Amino acid sequence: MKDMFIASFFHEGVLGGVIYLLVDRALYRTNKLQVEVKYRSLEIPYSSIESIKTGRALVFPTVTFALKSGISYRFIVFSRKKFLSRLETLRKQA
């Protein structure tokens, strides 16, 4: 099963795209050609996530993934409550 959420990634500005919640990982996709290839299709395995934090950027809801490697990725995620609920369910199953 694949769930998708409209999202924007904070990387040298704000990049619009979509986060797909897959069985074993979150996948962010954007079609912006000016962005490095690794950020156009960014995979975040659930097993590599150390913590998930919520916040706000101006009035927009954000989610930050802090990875065990020390890297963190911050996103504006629309329908954040539904996103976090579904993410938690999938992480428990993985």
N, C-alpha and C. Protein backbone atom coordinates (compact mmCIF):
# COMPACT_ATOMS: atom_id res chain seq x y z
N MET A 1 0.84 -1.18 0.00
CA MET A 1 0.00 0.00 0.00
C MET A 1 0.88 1.24 0.00
N LYS A 2 0.44 2.28 -0.69
CA LYS A 2 1.23 3.49 -0.80
C LYS A 2 0.35 4.69 -0.44
N ASP A 3 0.79 5.47 0.53
CA ASP A 3 0.09 6.69 0.92
C ASP A 3 0.92 7.87 0.44
N MET A 4 0.26 8.91 -0.06
CA MET A 4 0.99 10.09 -0.52
C MET A 4 0.46 11.35 0.15
N PHE A 5 1.39 12.25 0.46
CA PHE A 5 1.08 13.50 1.12
C PHE A 5 1.82 14.63 0.43
N ILE A 6 1.12 15.73 0.18
CA ILE A 6 1.75 16.92 -0.40
C ILE A 6 2.73 17.46 0.63
N ALA A 7 3.95 17.74 0.18
CA ALA A 7 4.99 18.18 1.10
C ALA A 7 5.97 19.10 0.39
N SER A 8 6.69 19.88 1.18
CA SER A 8 7.77 20.72 0.68
C SER A 8 9.00 20.47 1.53
N PHE A 9 10.12 20.31 0.88
CA PHE A 9 11.39 19.99 1.54
C PHE A 9 12.22 21.25 1.69
N PHE A 10 12.79 21.45 2.88
CA PHE A 10 13.68 22.59 3.11
C PHE A 10 15.09 22.20 2.69
N HIS A 11 15.51 22.69 1.53
CA HIS A 11 16.88 22.49 1.05
C HIS A 11 17.19 23.63 0.08
N GLU A 12 18.03 24.55 0.53
CA GLU A 12 18.36 25.73 -0.28
C GLU A 12 17.08 26.39 -0.79
N GLY A 13 16.15 26.58 0.11
CA GLY A 13 14.83 27.10 -0.21
C GLY A 13 13.80 26.04 0.12
N VAL A 14 12.61 26.21 -0.38
CA VAL A 14 11.53 25.26 -0.13
C VAL A 14 11.16 24.62 -1.47
N LEU A 15 11.26 23.29 -1.53
CA LEU A 15 11.01 22.54 -2.76
C LEU A 15 9.70 21.76 -2.65
N GLY A 16 8.75 22.07 -3.49
CA GLY A 16 7.48 21.36 -3.49
C GLY A 16 7.62 19.95 -4.02
N GLY A 17 6.83 19.05 -3.48
CA GLY A 17 6.86 17.66 -3.93
C GLY A 17 5.83 16.84 -3.20
N VAL A 18 6.11 15.55 -3.11
CA VAL A 18 5.20 14.60 -2.47
C VAL A 18 6.03 13.63 -1.63
N ILE A 19 5.49 13.27 -0.45
CA ILE A 19 6.09 12.20 0.36
C ILE A 19 5.18 10.98 0.23
N TYR A 20 5.78 9.88 -0.18
CA TYR A 20 5.07 8.60 -0.24
C TYR A 20 5.49 7.79 0.98
N LEU A 21 4.52 7.25 1.70
CA LEU A 21 4.82 6.35 2.81
C LEU A 21 4.66 4.93 2.29
N LEU A 22 5.77 4.25 2.16
CA LEU A 22 5.80 2.88 1.67
C LEU A 22 5.89 1.93 2.86
N VAL A 23 5.93 0.66 2.61
CA VAL A 23 5.96 -0.34 3.68
C VAL A 23 7.20 -0.21 4.56
N ASP A 24 8.36 0.10 3.97
CA ASP A 24 9.61 0.12 4.72
C ASP A 24 10.34 1.46 4.74
N ARG A 25 9.80 2.46 4.04
CA ARG A 25 10.51 3.74 3.98
C ARG A 25 9.57 4.87 3.55
N ALA A 26 10.02 6.08 3.84
CA ALA A 26 9.36 7.28 3.33
C ALA A 26 10.16 7.73 2.11
N LEU A 27 9.46 8.15 1.07
CA LEU A 27 10.10 8.54 -0.18
C LEU A 27 9.59 9.92 -0.58
N TYR A 28 10.50 10.89 -0.64
CA TYR A 28 10.15 12.24 -1.07
C TYR A 28 10.54 12.38 -2.53
N ARG A 29 9.63 12.90 -3.33
CA ARG A 29 9.90 13.11 -4.76
C ARG A 29 9.56 14.53 -5.16
N THR A 30 10.45 15.11 -5.98
CA THR A 30 10.20 16.40 -6.60
C THR A 30 10.69 16.32 -8.04
N ASN A 31 10.15 17.16 -8.90
CA ASN A 31 10.57 17.17 -10.30
C ASN A 31 11.42 18.39 -10.64
N LYS A 32 11.92 19.08 -9.63
CA LYS A 32 12.75 20.26 -9.86
C LYS A 32 14.11 19.85 -10.41
N LEU A 33 14.42 20.30 -11.61
CA LEU A 33 15.66 19.90 -12.26
C LEU A 33 16.89 20.61 -11.68
N GLN A 34 16.70 21.73 -11.01
CA GLN A 34 17.83 22.48 -10.46
C GLN A 34 18.38 21.84 -9.18
N VAL A 35 17.67 20.87 -8.64
CA VAL A 35 18.04 20.24 -7.39
C VAL A 35 18.96 19.05 -7.65
N GLU A 36 19.89 18.81 -6.74
CA GLU A 36 20.78 17.65 -6.86
C GLU A 36 19.94 16.38 -6.98
N VAL A 37 20.44 15.41 -7.71
CA VAL A 37 19.71 14.18 -7.99
C VAL A 37 19.31 13.46 -6.69
N LYS A 38 20.20 13.44 -5.69
CA LYS A 38 19.88 12.71 -4.46
C LYS A 38 18.69 13.30 -3.71
N TYR A 39 18.37 14.58 -3.96
CA TYR A 39 17.22 15.20 -3.29
C TYR A 39 15.95 15.13 -4.14
N ARG A 40 16.06 14.77 -5.40
CA ARG A 40 14.87 14.62 -6.25
C ARG A 40 14.08 13.38 -5.89
N SER A 41 14.76 12.38 -5.39
CA SER A 41 14.13 11.13 -4.96
C SER A 41 14.82 10.70 -3.67
N LEU A 42 14.40 11.28 -2.57
CA LEU A 42 15.05 11.08 -1.28
C LEU A 42 14.36 9.96 -0.51
N GLU A 43 15.10 8.90 -0.22
CA GLU A 43 14.56 7.76 0.51
C GLU A 43 15.00 7.81 1.96
N ILE A 44 14.05 7.62 2.87
CA ILE A 44 14.33 7.60 4.30
C ILE A 44 13.80 6.28 4.87
N PRO A 45 14.67 5.27 5.03
CA PRO A 45 14.22 4.00 5.61
C PRO A 45 13.76 4.21 7.05
N TYR A 46 12.67 3.57 7.40
CA TYR A 46 12.15 3.72 8.77
C TYR A 46 13.17 3.28 9.81
N SER A 47 13.99 2.28 9.48
CA SER A 47 14.99 1.77 10.42
C SER A 47 16.09 2.78 10.71
N SER A 48 16.27 3.78 9.85
CA SER A 48 17.32 4.77 10.06
C SER A 48 16.83 6.02 10.81
N ILE A 49 15.54 6.09 11.11
CA ILE A 49 14.99 7.26 11.81
C ILE A 49 15.20 7.13 13.30
N GLU A 50 15.87 8.13 13.87
CA GLU A 50 16.09 8.16 15.31
C GLU A 50 14.92 8.84 16.01
N SER A 51 14.46 9.98 15.47
CA SER A 51 13.33 10.68 16.07
C SER A 51 12.60 11.50 15.01
N ILE A 52 11.35 11.82 15.33
CA ILE A 52 10.51 12.63 14.47
C ILE A 52 9.98 13.78 15.32
N LYS A 53 10.23 14.99 14.84
CA LYS A 53 9.80 16.18 15.59
C LYS A 53 8.82 16.99 14.75
N THR A 54 7.92 17.66 15.42
CA THR A 54 6.97 18.53 14.73
C THR A 54 7.26 19.97 15.09
N GLY A 55 6.82 20.88 14.26
CA GLY A 55 7.02 22.30 14.50
C GLY A 55 6.21 23.10 13.51
N ARG A 56 6.62 24.34 13.33
CA ARG A 56 5.95 25.23 12.39
C ARG A 56 6.98 26.08 11.68
N ALA A 57 6.70 26.37 10.42
CA ALA A 57 7.46 27.33 9.63
C ALA A 57 6.43 28.37 9.21
N LEU A 58 6.51 29.53 9.82
CA LEU A 58 5.46 30.54 9.70
C LEU A 58 4.16 29.91 10.17
N VAL A 59 3.21 29.71 9.30
CA VAL A 59 1.93 29.10 9.71
C VAL A 59 1.81 27.65 9.25
N PHE A 60 2.84 27.12 8.59
CA PHE A 60 2.77 25.78 8.01
C PHE A 60 3.29 24.72 8.98
N PRO A 61 2.63 23.55 9.02
CA PRO A 61 3.06 22.47 9.90
C PRO A 61 4.29 21.75 9.33
N THR A 62 5.29 21.53 10.17
CA THR A 62 6.51 20.86 9.71
C THR A 62 6.73 19.54 10.45
N VAL A 63 7.48 18.68 9.78
CA VAL A 63 7.93 17.41 10.35
C VAL A 63 9.42 17.32 10.05
N THR A 64 10.21 17.01 11.09
CA THR A 64 11.65 16.85 10.92
C THR A 64 12.03 15.42 11.26
N PHE A 65 12.70 14.76 10.32
CA PHE A 65 13.23 13.42 10.54
C PHE A 65 14.68 13.56 10.95
N ALA A 66 15.02 13.12 12.15
CA ALA A 66 16.41 13.08 12.61
C ALA A 66 16.87 11.63 12.45
N LEU A 67 17.91 11.43 11.64
CA LEU A 67 18.39 10.08 11.36
C LEU A 67 19.51 9.68 12.31
N LYS A 68 19.72 8.40 12.45
CA LYS A 68 20.77 7.87 13.32
C LYS A 68 22.15 8.33 12.86
N SER A 69 22.29 8.65 11.59
CA SER A 69 23.57 9.11 11.04
C SER A 69 23.89 10.56 11.42
N GLY A 70 22.93 11.26 12.04
CA GLY A 70 23.13 12.65 12.41
C GLY A 70 22.53 13.63 11.42
N ILE A 71 22.10 13.17 10.27
CA ILE A 71 21.47 14.02 9.26
C ILE A 71 20.01 14.23 9.63
N SER A 72 19.49 15.42 9.33
CA SER A 72 18.06 15.64 9.55
C SER A 72 17.46 16.28 8.30
N TYR A 73 16.20 15.94 8.06
CA TYR A 73 15.46 16.46 6.92
C TYR A 73 14.17 17.08 7.44
N ARG A 74 13.90 18.31 7.00
CA ARG A 74 12.71 19.03 7.46
C ARG A 74 11.77 19.27 6.29
N PHE A 75 10.49 19.00 6.54
CA PHE A 75 9.46 19.12 5.51
C PHE A 75 8.26 19.88 6.04
N ILE A 76 7.62 20.64 5.17
CA ILE A 76 6.26 21.11 5.43
C ILE A 76 5.38 19.97 4.95
N VAL A 77 4.49 19.49 5.81
CA VAL A 77 3.62 18.37 5.44
C VAL A 77 2.17 18.79 5.68
N PHE A 78 1.40 18.78 4.61
CA PHE A 78 -0.02 19.07 4.74
C PHE A 78 -0.74 17.81 5.20
N SER A 79 -1.80 17.95 5.96
CA SER A 79 -2.49 16.82 6.61
C SER A 79 -1.52 16.11 7.55
N ARG A 80 -0.81 16.91 8.34
CA ARG A 80 0.26 16.38 9.20
C ARG A 80 -0.24 15.34 10.20
N LYS A 81 -1.41 15.56 10.79
CA LYS A 81 -1.93 14.61 11.78
C LYS A 81 -2.14 13.23 11.16
N LYS A 82 -2.75 13.20 9.99
CA LYS A 82 -2.97 11.94 9.27
C LYS A 82 -1.63 11.32 8.85
N PHE A 83 -0.71 12.16 8.40
CA PHE A 83 0.63 11.71 8.00
C PHE A 83 1.34 11.02 9.16
N LEU A 84 1.36 11.66 10.32
CA LEU A 84 2.05 11.11 11.48
C LEU A 84 1.41 9.81 11.97
N SER A 85 0.09 9.77 11.92
CA SER A 85 -0.62 8.56 12.34
C SER A 85 -0.27 7.38 11.42
N ARG A 86 -0.32 7.62 10.13
CA ARG A 86 -0.01 6.57 9.16
C ARG A 86 1.47 6.16 9.23
N LEU A 87 2.34 7.13 9.41
CA LEU A 87 3.78 6.87 9.55
C LEU A 87 4.05 5.98 10.75
N GLU A 88 3.43 6.28 11.86
CA GLU A 88 3.63 5.48 13.08
C GLU A 88 3.16 4.04 12.86
N THR A 89 2.03 3.88 12.22
CA THR A 89 1.51 2.53 11.93
C THR A 89 2.49 1.75 11.07
N LEU A 90 3.00 2.37 10.02
CA LEU A 90 3.92 1.69 9.12
C LEU A 90 5.25 1.38 9.79
N ARG A 91 5.73 2.29 10.64
CA ARG A 91 7.00 2.04 11.33
C ARG A 91 6.89 0.86 12.29
N LYS A 92 5.75 0.70 12.91
CA LYS A 92 5.55 -0.45 13.82
C LYS A 92 5.53 -1.76 13.06
N GLN A 93 4.99 -1.72 11.83
CA GLN A 93 4.89 -2.95 11.02
C GLN A 93 6.23 -3.31 10.39
N ALA A 94 7.10 -2.34 10.19
CA ALA A 94 8.38 -2.59 9.49
C ALA A 94 9.38 -3.34 10.36
